[in-house]
């Protein structure tokens, strides 16, 4: 059985297969002698970026497949009260009344953090795994060129990321079967 057989969307499955193949090719390339340390480290960064993106894609697939949705509180029909109404903690600011609604979050509002927290709440992901994914995501978020890179990306971190990807793929089908 292919580790991605649980993904029924053929386009997503193919994209993930191609990306995982690319990750493997990059990882093998880093083992070659004669590479500059900077080239090797930047290649490690690309691998981590791809691994976290693959994990995010799998979690988003879960999210779309399972049916339960992430919501947010929205306020509608907002009305400002007379200035004679004052809040003791925030005097001088307007006091309002509104209708509070729970609204499904749009797909573009969801990132890896929201997905991990959601599945953690549903007990479909272990606390340890959630922490590892979020830590790896934190590293991915430092890859923007305009952000400082306080952390060096090395072989150990890449191997941890690869283990996390394998763990996610192997446990995904079980989590998909659990309905809550």
Protein backbone atom coordinates (compact mmCIF):
# COMPACT_ATOMS: atom_id res chain seq x y z
CA UNK A 1 0.00 0.00 0.00
CA UNK A 2 1.26 3.42 -0.93
CA UNK A 3 1.41 5.79 2.06
CA UNK A 4 -0.75 8.25 0.10
CA UNK A 5 -3.56 5.87 -0.90
CA UNK A 6 -5.87 7.46 1.67
CA UNK A 7 -5.88 10.67 -0.39
CA UNK A 8 -8.67 10.19 -2.90
CA UNK A 9 -8.05 13.47 -4.72
CA UNK A 10 -5.79 12.35 -7.61
CA UNK A 11 -4.35 15.81 -8.24
CA UNK A 12 -3.36 16.33 -4.61
CA UNK A 13 -1.99 12.79 -4.34
CA UNK A 14 0.16 13.32 -7.48
CA UNK A 15 1.39 16.69 -6.21
CA UNK A 16 2.37 15.13 -2.89
CA UNK A 17 4.05 12.16 -4.60
CA UNK A 18 6.07 14.49 -6.83
CA UNK A 19 6.99 16.74 -3.90
CA UNK A 20 8.10 13.81 -1.74
CA UNK A 21 10.21 12.52 -4.63
CA UNK A 22 11.77 15.97 -4.94
CA UNK A 23 12.42 16.10 -1.18
CA UNK A 24 14.21 12.75 -1.41
CA UNK A 25 16.29 13.88 -4.40
CA UNK A 26 17.32 17.06 -2.58
CA UNK A 27 18.21 15.11 0.54
CA UNK A 28 20.39 12.72 -1.46
CA UNK A 29 22.07 15.70 -3.13
CA UNK A 30 23.09 17.12 0.26
CA UNK A 31 25.14 13.96 0.90
CA UNK A 32 27.46 14.69 -2.02
CA UNK A 33 30.99 15.78 -1.21
CA UNK A 34 32.30 19.18 -2.17
CA UNK A 35 29.19 21.23 -1.48
CA UNK A 36 29.61 24.61 0.12
CA UNK A 37 28.13 24.75 3.65
CA UNK A 38 25.80 27.59 2.62
CA UNK A 39 24.46 25.57 -0.33
CA UNK A 40 23.87 22.55 1.91
CA UNK A 41 22.10 24.64 4.57
CA UNK A 42 19.88 26.37 1.99
CA UNK A 43 19.01 22.97 0.53
CA UNK A 44 18.07 21.81 4.03
CA UNK A 45 15.81 24.85 4.32
CA UNK A 46 14.05 23.96 1.07
CA UNK A 47 13.54 20.40 2.32
CA UNK A 48 11.98 21.64 5.56
CA UNK A 49 9.78 24.04 3.59
CA UNK A 50 8.53 21.19 1.40
CA UNK A 51 8.03 18.81 4.32
CA UNK A 52 5.96 21.30 6.30
CA UNK A 53 3.96 22.18 3.17
CA UNK A 54 3.26 18.47 2.59
CA UNK A 55 2.10 18.02 6.20
CA UNK A 56 -0.09 21.10 5.85
CA UNK A 57 -1.63 19.70 2.64
CA UNK A 58 -2.42 16.39 4.37
CA UNK A 59 -4.01 18.14 7.34
CA UNK A 60 -6.01 20.39 5.04
CA UNK A 61 -7.20 17.31 3.15
CA UNK A 62 -8.35 15.84 6.50
CA UNK A 63 -10.13 19.04 7.26
CA UNK A 64 -11.99 19.09 3.94
CA UNK A 65 -12.82 15.37 4.14
CA UNK A 66 -14.04 15.12 7.73
CA UNK A 67 -16.79 17.71 7.47
CA UNK A 68 -16.48 19.43 10.86
CA UNK A 69 -15.45 23.05 10.32
CA UNK A 70 -13.37 25.66 12.10
CA UNK A 71 -15.46 28.67 13.04
CA UNK A 72 -14.86 32.21 14.21
CA UNK A 73 -17.02 34.70 16.05
CA UNK A 74 -18.35 37.52 13.92
CA UNK A 75 -20.29 40.56 15.08
CA UNK A 76 -23.14 41.86 12.94
CA UNK A 77 -25.69 44.68 13.21
CA UNK A 78 -23.26 46.76 15.24
CA UNK A 79 -24.84 49.79 16.91
CA UNK A 80 -23.03 52.47 18.87
CA UNK A 81 -24.72 53.46 22.11
CA UNK A 82 -25.06 57.01 23.38
CA UNK A 83 -21.93 58.52 24.93
CA UNK A 84 -23.74 58.42 28.27
CA UNK A 85 -22.83 54.69 28.33
CA UNK A 86 -19.23 54.30 29.40
CA UNK A 87 -17.08 51.28 30.05
CA UNK A 88 -15.25 51.52 33.41
CA UNK A 89 -12.09 49.87 32.05
CA UNK A 90 -12.03 51.87 28.80
CA UNK A 91 -13.62 55.26 29.52
CA UNK A 92 -14.01 57.59 26.58
CA UNK A 93 -14.30 54.80 24.01
CA UNK A 94 -17.62 54.08 22.31
CA UNK A 95 -19.78 51.29 23.72
CA UNK A 96 -21.53 49.14 21.16
CA UNK A 97 -24.09 46.37 20.99
CA UNK A 98 -24.07 43.72 18.28
CA UNK A 99 -25.35 40.31 17.28
CA UNK A 100 -22.73 37.62 17.78
CA UNK A 101 -22.61 34.82 15.20
CA UNK A 102 -20.47 31.75 14.75
CA UNK A 103 -19.25 31.69 11.16
CA UNK A 104 -17.31 29.05 9.27
CA UNK A 105 -13.80 30.23 8.45
CA UNK A 106 -12.92 30.45 4.79
CA UNK A 107 -10.25 28.09 3.48
CA UNK A 108 -7.85 30.96 2.81
CA UNK A 109 -8.07 31.94 6.51
CA UNK A 110 -6.68 28.59 7.60
CA UNK A 111 -3.02 27.87 8.04
CA UNK A 112 -1.07 25.06 9.57
CA UNK A 113 -1.38 26.50 13.08
CA UNK A 114 -5.19 26.58 12.92
CA UNK A 115 -5.37 23.07 11.48
CA UNK A 116 -3.05 21.58 14.11
CA UNK A 117 -4.94 23.26 16.96
CA UNK A 118 -8.27 22.11 15.50
CA UNK A 119 -7.19 18.46 15.24
CA UNK A 120 -5.61 18.65 18.68
CA UNK A 121 -8.96 19.81 20.09
CA UNK A 122 -10.66 16.86 18.38
CA UNK A 123 -7.96 14.56 19.83
CA UNK A 124 -7.01 13.39 16.33
CA UNK A 125 -3.41 14.43 16.77
CA UNK A 126 -1.17 13.85 19.77
CA UNK A 127 0.17 16.76 21.81
CA UNK A 128 3.77 15.72 21.07
CA UNK A 129 3.13 15.55 17.33
CA UNK A 130 1.34 18.91 17.38
CA UNK A 131 4.30 20.53 19.16
CA UNK A 132 6.74 19.04 16.66
CA UNK A 133 4.70 20.21 13.67
CA UNK A 134 4.33 23.72 15.08
CA UNK A 135 8.05 23.92 15.91
CA UNK A 136 8.90 22.87 12.35
CA UNK A 137 6.40 25.44 11.06
CA UNK A 138 8.09 28.08 13.19
CA UNK A 139 11.36 27.24 11.48
CA UNK A 140 9.67 27.40 8.07
CA UNK A 141 8.38 30.87 8.91
CA UNK A 142 11.96 32.14 9.34
CA UNK A 143 12.75 31.32 5.72
CA UNK A 144 11.42 34.64 4.45
CA UNK A 145 14.30 36.67 3.10
CA UNK A 146 13.34 39.73 5.13
CA UNK A 147 13.31 37.86 8.45
CA UNK A 148 16.34 37.10 10.59
CA UNK A 149 17.48 33.49 10.65
CA UNK A 150 18.47 32.91 14.25
CA UNK A 151 18.36 29.15 13.75
CA UNK A 152 20.73 27.16 11.60
CA UNK A 153 18.99 24.50 9.56
CA UNK A 154 21.05 21.32 9.72
CA UNK A 155 20.89 17.63 8.84
CA UNK A 156 19.40 16.70 12.23
CA UNK A 157 16.49 19.09 11.76
CA UNK A 158 15.90 17.77 8.25
CA UNK A 159 15.88 14.19 9.49
CA UNK A 160 13.42 15.15 12.25
CA UNK A 161 11.21 16.82 9.64
CA UNK A 162 11.33 13.72 7.44
CA UNK A 163 10.43 11.49 10.40
CA UNK A 164 7.51 13.79 11.17
CA UNK A 165 6.31 13.57 7.56
CA UNK A 166 6.47 9.76 7.61
CA UNK A 167 4.67 9.72 10.98
CA UNK A 168 1.94 12.00 9.61
CA UNK A 169 1.45 9.92 6.47
CA UNK A 170 1.36 6.64 8.36
CA UNK A 171 -1.13 7.86 10.97
CA UNK A 172 -3.33 9.87 8.64
CA UNK A 173 -5.60 7.02 7.51
CA UNK A 174 -6.35 6.03 11.13
CA UNK A 175 -7.24 9.60 12.03
CA UNK A 176 -9.50 9.93 9.02
CA UNK A 177 -11.51 6.90 10.14
CA UNK A 178 -12.20 8.33 13.63
CA UNK A 179 -15.42 10.31 13.54
CA UNK A 180 -16.29 12.66 16.40
